[in-house]
């Protein structure tokens, strides 16, 4: 595994409420781990929610005795969710905080993904394929046929999410398992990227720049050039890098 990542405040925000964690080395019983969280809440609450969620997840993964990646990630997100809810209930300045989260691990060429909210994971190979499903108000309407994808991109309520870590004591998590092909990379990002760039624009950058680090840098630069309305976080992983330990 080889991964490059970058997070940027963007041009409109004063604070970066995105937070990420990447490890190409084993974390507990997982051979690698990638997490991205996009926090929400007033003042420092969004920043705290994303950072605290990732911190709690990593702690849970390290301590887990489970062998199944789905079980490990499910417990990690569930435990982090309860911790965020508890913190919000104890501190008035954290009331109402929450965060999206998307997490992934790759084992023997198979990718296991978990997500809550609208941060995304894509597979980039012959094209760009979104693996996760956005838990957002407008994407629910797209899936039901009430809105077209084109209208959804500019809808005023496009950033209202329907699931979040911290949204309640019970949390619904989506899981996806994907068998990776030799030429594929894994792209994880917050909506600060996907609100500014369409999928075809993202894929064009990936196609034109083969170097993983330069792709990540260019994606952030272009999101800012298109407005930089939100924090931008990108993790690009090459599971077939020469030093991948499972090949």
Protein backbone atom coordinates (compact mmCIF):
# COMPACT_ATOMS: atom_id res chain seq x y z
CA UNK A 1 0.00 0.00 0.00
CA UNK A 2 1.09 3.52 -0.69
CA UNK A 3 -1.06 6.55 0.13
CA UNK A 4 -0.81 10.30 -0.18
CA UNK A 5 -3.18 12.69 1.56
CA UNK A 6 -3.78 16.38 1.99
CA UNK A 7 -6.25 18.56 3.84
CA UNK A 8 -6.86 22.25 3.16
CA UNK A 9 -9.07 24.85 4.82
CA UNK A 10 -10.29 26.18 1.48
CA UNK A 11 -10.94 29.79 0.59
CA UNK A 12 -14.15 30.50 2.49
CA UNK A 13 -13.73 28.82 5.87
CA UNK A 14 -11.70 30.10 8.81
CA UNK A 15 -11.30 26.67 10.39
CA UNK A 16 -10.63 23.21 9.00
CA UNK A 17 -13.22 20.82 10.43
CA UNK A 18 -12.02 17.88 8.33
CA UNK A 19 -9.75 15.31 9.93
CA UNK A 20 -8.05 12.21 8.56
CA UNK A 21 -5.94 9.26 9.58
CA UNK A 22 -3.83 7.05 7.32
CA UNK A 23 -1.71 4.04 8.17
CA UNK A 24 -0.12 1.71 5.64
CA UNK A 25 1.08 -0.39 8.57
CA UNK A 26 -1.12 -2.69 10.68
CA UNK A 27 -3.52 -1.15 13.19
CA UNK A 28 -4.73 -3.83 15.57
CA UNK A 29 -5.95 -6.74 13.45
CA UNK A 30 -6.28 -4.62 10.31
CA UNK A 31 -3.29 -4.57 7.93
CA UNK A 32 -3.88 -0.89 7.07
CA UNK A 33 -6.44 1.78 7.88
CA UNK A 34 -7.73 4.98 6.26
CA UNK A 35 -10.31 7.28 7.86
CA UNK A 36 -11.74 10.63 6.78
CA UNK A 37 -14.20 12.69 8.82
CA UNK A 38 -15.95 15.98 8.02
CA UNK A 39 -17.23 17.66 11.17
CA UNK A 40 -20.20 19.94 11.70
CA UNK A 41 -21.22 22.23 14.52
CA UNK A 42 -20.69 25.79 15.71
CA UNK A 43 -17.42 27.32 16.90
CA UNK A 44 -14.98 24.47 17.63
CA UNK A 45 -17.61 21.70 17.76
CA UNK A 46 -17.18 20.44 14.19
CA UNK A 47 -13.42 20.39 14.53
CA UNK A 48 -13.72 18.53 17.83
CA UNK A 49 -16.27 16.05 16.47
CA UNK A 50 -14.16 14.95 13.51
CA UNK A 51 -10.91 14.76 15.49
CA UNK A 52 -12.50 12.95 18.43
CA UNK A 53 -14.33 10.47 16.18
CA UNK A 54 -11.18 9.48 14.35
CA UNK A 55 -9.23 9.24 17.61
CA UNK A 56 -11.90 6.98 19.16
CA UNK A 57 -12.07 4.81 16.05
CA UNK A 58 -8.32 4.23 15.94
CA UNK A 59 -8.33 3.39 19.65
CA UNK A 60 -11.16 0.89 19.12
CA UNK A 61 -9.49 -0.77 16.13
CA UNK A 62 -6.23 -1.18 18.08
CA UNK A 63 -8.04 -2.84 20.97
CA UNK A 64 -10.37 -5.06 18.93
CA UNK A 65 -10.02 -8.85 19.16
CA UNK A 66 -12.28 -9.36 16.14
CA UNK A 67 -10.89 -10.75 12.89
CA UNK A 68 -13.60 -9.57 10.49
CA UNK A 69 -12.89 -6.09 9.07
CA UNK A 70 -16.62 -5.34 8.95
CA UNK A 71 -17.00 -6.20 12.63
CA UNK A 72 -13.93 -4.17 13.54
CA UNK A 73 -15.09 -1.08 11.65
CA UNK A 74 -18.68 -1.43 12.86
CA UNK A 75 -17.57 -1.49 16.49
CA UNK A 76 -15.16 1.40 15.93
CA UNK A 77 -17.81 3.68 14.43
CA UNK A 78 -20.47 2.66 16.93
CA UNK A 79 -18.17 3.29 19.90
CA UNK A 80 -17.06 6.62 18.46
CA UNK A 81 -20.69 7.61 17.92
CA UNK A 82 -21.60 6.95 21.56
CA UNK A 83 -18.51 8.85 22.70
CA UNK A 84 -19.44 11.90 20.59
CA UNK A 85 -23.04 11.83 21.86
CA UNK A 86 -21.77 11.64 25.44
CA UNK A 87 -19.36 14.55 24.97
CA UNK A 88 -22.06 16.68 23.34
CA UNK A 89 -24.34 16.00 26.30
CA UNK A 90 -21.70 17.00 28.83
CA UNK A 91 -20.48 20.24 27.26
CA UNK A 92 -22.86 23.00 26.15
CA UNK A 93 -20.37 24.34 23.60
CA UNK A 94 -20.34 20.93 21.87
CA UNK A 95 -24.11 20.51 21.77
CA UNK A 96 -25.37 19.44 18.35
CA UNK A 97 -21.96 18.45 17.00
CA UNK A 98 -21.56 15.61 14.57
CA UNK A 99 -19.41 14.35 11.74
CA UNK A 100 -19.42 12.24 8.62
CA UNK A 101 -17.00 9.35 8.46
CA UNK A 102 -15.70 7.08 5.72
CA UNK A 103 -13.22 4.34 6.60
CA UNK A 104 -11.46 1.68 4.58
CA UNK A 105 -9.00 -1.18 4.83
CA UNK A 106 -7.56 -3.40 2.11
CA UNK A 107 -6.91 -7.10 2.75
CA UNK A 108 -5.52 -9.40 0.06
CA UNK A 109 -6.83 -7.21 -2.74
CA UNK A 110 -10.30 -6.81 -1.28
CA UNK A 111 -11.41 -3.42 -0.02
CA UNK A 112 -13.74 -3.10 2.97
CA UNK A 113 -15.46 0.28 3.27
CA UNK A 114 -17.73 1.79 5.94
CA UNK A 115 -19.50 5.14 5.70
CA UNK A 116 -21.90 7.45 7.46
CA UNK A 117 -22.78 10.81 5.88
CA UNK A 118 -21.67 12.26 2.55
CA UNK A 119 -17.90 11.92 2.53
CA UNK A 120 -17.08 9.60 -0.34
CA UNK A 121 -14.92 6.72 -1.48
CA UNK A 122 -14.33 6.12 -5.18
CA UNK A 123 -12.48 3.49 -7.16
CA UNK A 124 -10.42 5.04 -9.96
CA UNK A 125 -9.45 2.66 -12.74
CA UNK A 126 -10.84 2.66 -16.27
CA UNK A 127 -13.27 5.28 -14.94
CA UNK A 128 -14.29 6.81 -11.63
CA UNK A 129 -16.86 4.80 -9.68
CA UNK A 130 -18.43 6.02 -6.45
CA UNK A 131 -18.63 3.11 -4.01
CA UNK A 132 -20.24 4.84 -1.03
CA UNK A 133 -23.76 6.26 -1.05
CA UNK A 134 -24.29 9.80 0.20
CA UNK A 135 -26.55 10.02 3.23
CA UNK A 136 -27.87 13.45 2.33
CA UNK A 137 -31.24 15.09 1.76
CA UNK A 138 -30.75 15.74 -1.95
CA UNK A 139 -29.15 12.38 -2.73
CA UNK A 140 -32.09 10.62 -1.13
CA UNK A 141 -34.29 12.55 -3.59
CA UNK A 142 -31.99 11.60 -6.48
CA UNK A 143 -32.27 7.92 -5.56
CA UNK A 144 -36.07 8.20 -5.36
CA UNK A 145 -36.23 9.94 -8.74
CA UNK A 146 -37.43 13.29 -7.39
CA UNK A 147 -34.27 15.16 -8.45
CA UNK A 148 -31.79 14.77 -11.29
CA UNK A 149 -28.07 14.57 -10.41
CA UNK A 150 -27.54 17.87 -12.24
CA UNK A 151 -30.12 19.70 -10.10
CA UNK A 152 -28.79 18.01 -6.95
CA UNK A 153 -25.32 19.48 -7.51
CA UNK A 154 -26.62 23.05 -7.15
CA UNK A 155 -29.55 22.44 -4.78
CA UNK A 156 -29.47 24.85 -1.79
CA UNK A 157 -29.99 21.95 0.64
CA UNK A 158 -27.30 19.68 -0.84
CA UNK A 159 -25.18 19.81 2.34
CA UNK A 160 -27.95 18.64 4.69
CA UNK A 161 -26.99 15.11 5.72
CA UNK A 162 -29.40 12.46 6.96
CA UNK A 163 -26.93 10.36 8.95
CA UNK A 164 -24.00 11.45 11.10
CA UNK A 165 -21.78 10.24 13.88
CA UNK A 166 -23.22 12.01 16.93
CA UNK A 167 -26.74 12.10 15.53
CA UNK A 168 -28.14 9.76 18.22
CA UNK A 169 -27.27 6.74 20.32
CA UNK A 170 -28.18 4.38 17.46
CA UNK A 171 -26.27 4.70 14.19
CA UNK A 172 -26.83 3.07 10.81
CA UNK A 173 -23.63 2.30 8.93
CA UNK A 174 -23.26 1.26 5.29
CA UNK A 175 -20.65 -1.34 4.36
CA UNK A 176 -19.21 -2.20 0.97
CA UNK A 177 -16.76 -4.89 -0.08
CA UNK A 178 -14.98 -4.46 -3.41
CA UNK A 179 -12.46 -6.69 -5.19
CA UNK A 180 -9.76 -4.44 -6.59
CA UNK A 181 -8.19 -4.76 -10.04
CA UNK A 182 -4.53 -4.23 -10.85
CA UNK A 183 -4.85 -0.70 -12.25
CA UNK A 184 -7.20 0.71 -9.64
CA UNK A 185 -6.65 3.34 -6.97
CA UNK A 186 -8.79 4.31 -3.98
CA UNK A 187 -9.93 7.92 -3.63
CA UNK A 188 -11.47 9.16 -0.37
CA UNK A 189 -12.62 12.77 -0.07
CA UNK A 190 -14.82 15.24 1.76
CA UNK A 191 -17.53 17.20 -0.02
CA UNK A 192 -15.20 20.17 -0.24
CA UNK A 193 -13.77 18.37 -3.27
CA UNK A 194 -16.92 16.91 -4.82
CA UNK A 195 -18.97 20.11 -4.44
CA UNK A 196 -16.32 21.99 -6.43
CA UNK A 197 -15.37 19.39 -9.04
CA UNK A 198 -17.57 17.02 -11.00
CA UNK A 199 -16.59 13.34 -11.19
CA UNK A 200 -15.41 13.74 -14.81
CA UNK A 201 -13.11 16.59 -13.74
CA UNK A 202 -11.69 14.53 -10.89
CA UNK A 203 -11.05 11.57 -13.18
CA UNK A 204 -9.40 13.76 -15.81
CA UNK A 205 -6.82 14.88 -13.22
CA UNK A 206 -6.22 11.27 -12.14
CA UNK A 207 -5.78 10.18 -15.77
CA UNK A 208 -3.45 13.02 -16.72
CA UNK A 209 -1.19 12.83 -13.66
CA UNK A 210 0.09 9.34 -12.91
CA UNK A 211 2.06 10.31 -9.80
CA UNK A 212 -0.13 9.80 -6.73
CA UNK A 213 1.13 12.79 -4.77
CA UNK A 214 0.79 15.19 -7.69
CA UNK A 215 -2.79 13.99 -8.25
CA UNK A 216 -3.70 14.80 -4.63
CA UNK A 217 -2.06 18.22 -4.84
CA UNK A 218 -3.77 19.06 -8.13
CA UNK A 219 -7.21 18.01 -6.85
CA UNK A 220 -6.89 20.38 -3.88
CA UNK A 221 -5.57 23.20 -6.08
CA UNK A 222 -8.42 22.82 -8.57
CA UNK A 223 -11.09 22.64 -5.85
CA UNK A 224 -9.78 25.96 -4.53
CA UNK A 225 -9.66 27.45 -8.01
CA UNK A 226 -13.31 26.46 -8.48
CA UNK A 227 -14.26 28.40 -5.35
CA UNK A 228 -12.88 26.52 -2.34
CA UNK A 229 -16.20 26.93 -0.55
CA UNK A 230 -15.47 24.28 2.10
CA UNK A 231 -12.61 22.38 3.67
CA UNK A 232 -11.01 19.97 1.21
CA UNK A 233 -9.54 16.62 2.20
CA UNK A 234 -8.22 13.97 -0.20
CA UNK A 235 -6.68 10.54 0.43
CA UNK A 236 -5.45 8.64 -2.63
CA UNK A 237 -4.22 5.09 -2.10
CA UNK A 238 -2.42 2.81 -4.51
CA UNK A 239 -2.96 -0.72 -3.19
CA UNK A 240 -0.76 -2.19 -5.92
CA UNK A 241 2.33 -0.15 -5.17
CA UNK A 242 5.56 -2.14 -5.34
CA UNK A 243 5.87 -2.23 -1.55
CA UNK A 244 2.35 -3.59 -0.99
CA UNK A 245 2.97 -6.35 1.55
CA UNK A 246 0.14 -8.68 0.52
CA UNK A 247 1.10 -9.12 -3.16
